[in-house]
Amino acid sequence: MNSIDALYGSQYHDLKSKGYDTNKGRLYGNLLFAATIMIYLFVIVIIWSFFTDDLSKDLTRFLKSIFGRSTGKVIGKIVAIPLITIIYLIVTLLFGSKKQYEKRHQKFSNAPQHEKDKAIGRMITIFVIGLGSLVILSIVSLFL
């Protein structure tokens, strides 16, 4: 079992144990997977900007030419919403279709408990490393 199986399977298991609609597990799994991908994309962009000064200058100039003197909050929403939508659609088509969700949660349900725990641990580790890297690199980029 891989981390993606654990992601969707654990969503199904948690919702089922609480008596909620298990079909929501597919939505939650897709959103969490898309958010994880987006976090790693931002980490890559930040690392890339450390090595090329032109990237950050060009990106800043490009955003100012489109948005003028708008706040970063507005620019963030305008950039992030379409990006997360595109990533979500790709995740849904490739990993989180209804058929794939059923297959993944069955695989998770049939796995032994130690394998479930190991896969969930990997899944959480991947997310925490990405989020921690994003926070640390964002703070470091303020001082460079």
Protein backbone atom coordinates (compact mmCIF):
# COMPACT_ATOMS: atom_id res chain seq x y z
CA MET A 1 0.00 0.00 0.00
CA ASN A 2 1.30 3.43 -0.85
CA SER A 3 0.69 6.85 0.68
CA ILE A 4 -2.05 7.73 -1.80
CA ASP A 5 -4.00 4.60 -0.84
CA ALA A 6 -3.57 5.60 2.80
CA LEU A 7 -4.78 9.13 2.08
CA TYR A 8 -8.06 8.06 0.51
CA GLY A 9 -8.50 4.98 2.68
CA SER A 10 -8.01 6.86 5.94
CA GLN A 11 -10.50 9.51 4.83
CA TYR A 12 -13.06 6.79 4.14
CA HIS A 13 -12.34 5.01 7.43
CA ASP A 14 -12.58 8.19 9.53
CA LEU A 15 -15.85 9.28 7.94
CA LYS A 16 -17.35 5.80 8.24
CA SER A 17 -16.40 5.47 11.92
CA LYS A 18 -18.06 8.82 12.68
CA GLY A 19 -21.20 7.95 10.70
CA TYR A 20 -20.73 10.61 8.01
CA ASP A 21 -21.16 10.30 4.26
CA THR A 22 -18.14 8.33 3.06
CA ASN A 23 -18.38 9.83 -0.44
CA LYS A 24 -17.02 13.06 1.07
CA GLY A 25 -13.76 11.20 1.68
CA ARG A 26 -12.99 11.40 -2.02
CA LEU A 27 -13.42 15.19 -1.96
CA TYR A 28 -11.33 15.57 1.19
CA GLY A 29 -8.62 13.28 -0.16
CA ASN A 30 -8.50 15.13 -3.46
CA LEU A 31 -8.28 18.50 -1.70
CA LEU A 32 -5.52 17.34 0.64
CA PHE A 33 -3.57 15.78 -2.21
CA ALA A 34 -3.95 18.94 -4.34
CA ALA A 35 -2.88 21.13 -1.42
CA THR A 36 0.20 18.96 -0.86
CA ILE A 37 1.16 19.24 -4.52
CA MET A 38 0.66 23.00 -4.41
CA ILE A 39 2.84 23.29 -1.30
CA TYR A 40 5.66 21.43 -3.05
CA LEU A 41 5.26 23.61 -6.16
CA PHE A 42 5.70 26.71 -4.01
CA VAL A 43 8.75 25.15 -2.33
CA ILE A 44 10.27 24.52 -5.78
CA VAL A 45 9.59 28.12 -6.86
CA ILE A 46 11.15 29.50 -3.68
CA ILE A 47 14.24 27.29 -4.03
CA TRP A 48 14.50 28.24 -7.69
CA SER A 49 14.30 31.93 -6.79
CA PHE A 50 17.28 31.49 -4.42
CA PHE A 51 19.47 30.42 -7.33
CA THR A 52 18.26 32.89 -9.94
CA ASP A 53 17.84 36.52 -8.97
CA ASP A 54 16.20 37.21 -12.30
CA LEU A 55 13.28 34.92 -11.47
CA SER A 56 12.16 36.91 -8.45
CA LYS A 57 12.68 40.22 -10.24
CA ASP A 58 10.84 39.03 -13.35
CA LEU A 59 8.03 37.54 -11.30
CA THR A 60 7.62 40.73 -9.25
CA ARG A 61 7.70 42.88 -12.39
CA PHE A 62 5.17 40.60 -14.11
CA LEU A 63 2.75 40.68 -11.18
CA LYS A 64 3.06 44.47 -10.81
CA SER A 65 2.34 44.93 -14.51
CA ILE A 66 -0.85 42.88 -14.18
CA PHE A 67 -2.10 44.00 -10.77
CA GLY A 68 -0.47 47.39 -10.29
CA ARG A 69 -0.04 48.28 -6.65
CA SER A 70 -2.60 45.75 -5.37
CA THR A 71 -1.97 44.03 -2.08
CA GLY A 72 -0.30 40.64 -1.90
CA LYS A 73 -3.51 39.21 -0.47
CA VAL A 74 -5.46 39.99 -3.64
CA ILE A 75 -2.67 38.74 -5.88
CA GLY A 76 -2.43 35.55 -3.78
CA LYS A 77 -6.12 34.84 -4.21
CA ILE A 78 -6.05 35.53 -7.94
CA VAL A 79 -3.03 33.28 -8.46
CA ALA A 80 -3.87 30.54 -5.94
CA ILE A 81 -7.53 29.92 -6.80
CA PRO A 82 -6.95 29.00 -10.47
CA LEU A 83 -3.79 27.07 -9.56
CA ILE A 84 -5.53 24.95 -6.92
CA THR A 85 -8.47 24.42 -9.29
CA ILE A 86 -6.21 23.14 -12.06
CA ILE A 87 -4.26 20.91 -9.67
CA TYR A 88 -7.50 19.63 -8.12
CA LEU A 89 -8.89 18.68 -11.54
CA ILE A 90 -5.68 16.87 -12.46
CA VAL A 91 -5.67 15.01 -9.12
CA THR A 92 -9.34 14.08 -9.56
CA LEU A 93 -8.78 12.75 -13.07
CA LEU A 94 -5.57 10.84 -12.33
CA PHE A 95 -5.93 9.67 -8.72
CA GLY A 96 -9.28 10.55 -7.17
CA SER A 97 -11.97 9.35 -9.54
CA LYS A 98 -14.89 7.51 -7.98
CA LYS A 99 -13.59 4.17 -9.27
CA GLN A 100 -10.06 4.86 -7.96
CA TYR A 101 -11.47 5.99 -4.59
CA GLU A 102 -13.40 2.75 -4.20
CA LYS A 103 -10.34 0.70 -5.13
CA ARG A 104 -8.04 2.64 -2.80
CA HIS A 105 -10.29 2.47 0.26
CA GLN A 106 -10.84 -1.27 -0.31
CA LYS A 107 -7.08 -1.78 -0.48
CA PHE A 108 -6.67 0.26 2.71
CA SER A 109 -9.46 -1.61 4.50
CA ASN A 110 -7.99 -5.02 3.60
CA ALA A 111 -4.45 -4.13 4.70
CA PRO A 112 -3.12 -5.19 8.11
CA GLN A 113 -3.07 -2.51 10.82
CA HIS A 114 0.74 -2.17 10.91
CA GLU A 115 0.79 -1.51 7.15
CA LYS A 116 -1.98 1.09 7.53
CA ASP A 117 -0.05 2.84 10.30
CA LYS A 118 3.15 2.85 8.28
CA ALA A 119 1.43 4.28 5.17
CA ILE A 120 -0.39 6.95 7.18
CA GLY A 121 2.91 7.87 8.84
CA ARG A 122 4.55 8.31 5.43
CA MET A 123 1.62 10.39 4.23
CA ILE A 124 1.78 12.69 7.26
CA THR A 125 5.57 12.95 6.98
CA ILE A 126 5.34 14.01 3.33
CA PHE A 127 2.81 16.73 4.19
CA VAL A 128 4.65 18.00 7.28
CA ILE A 129 8.03 18.13 5.50
CA GLY A 130 6.48 20.10 2.63
CA LEU A 131 4.64 22.51 4.90
CA GLY A 132 7.66 22.95 7.18
CA SER A 133 9.93 23.54 4.19
CA LEU A 134 7.51 26.12 2.81
CA VAL A 135 7.38 28.02 6.10
CA ILE A 136 11.14 27.92 6.68
CA LEU A 137 12.03 28.85 3.11
CA SER A 138 9.47 31.67 3.13
CA ILE A 139 10.99 33.12 6.29
CA VAL A 140 14.53 32.70 4.97
CA SER A 141 13.58 34.38 1.68
CA LEU A 142 12.56 37.50 3.61
CA PHE A 143 16.13 37.97 4.80
CA LEU A 144 17.97 37.19 1.55
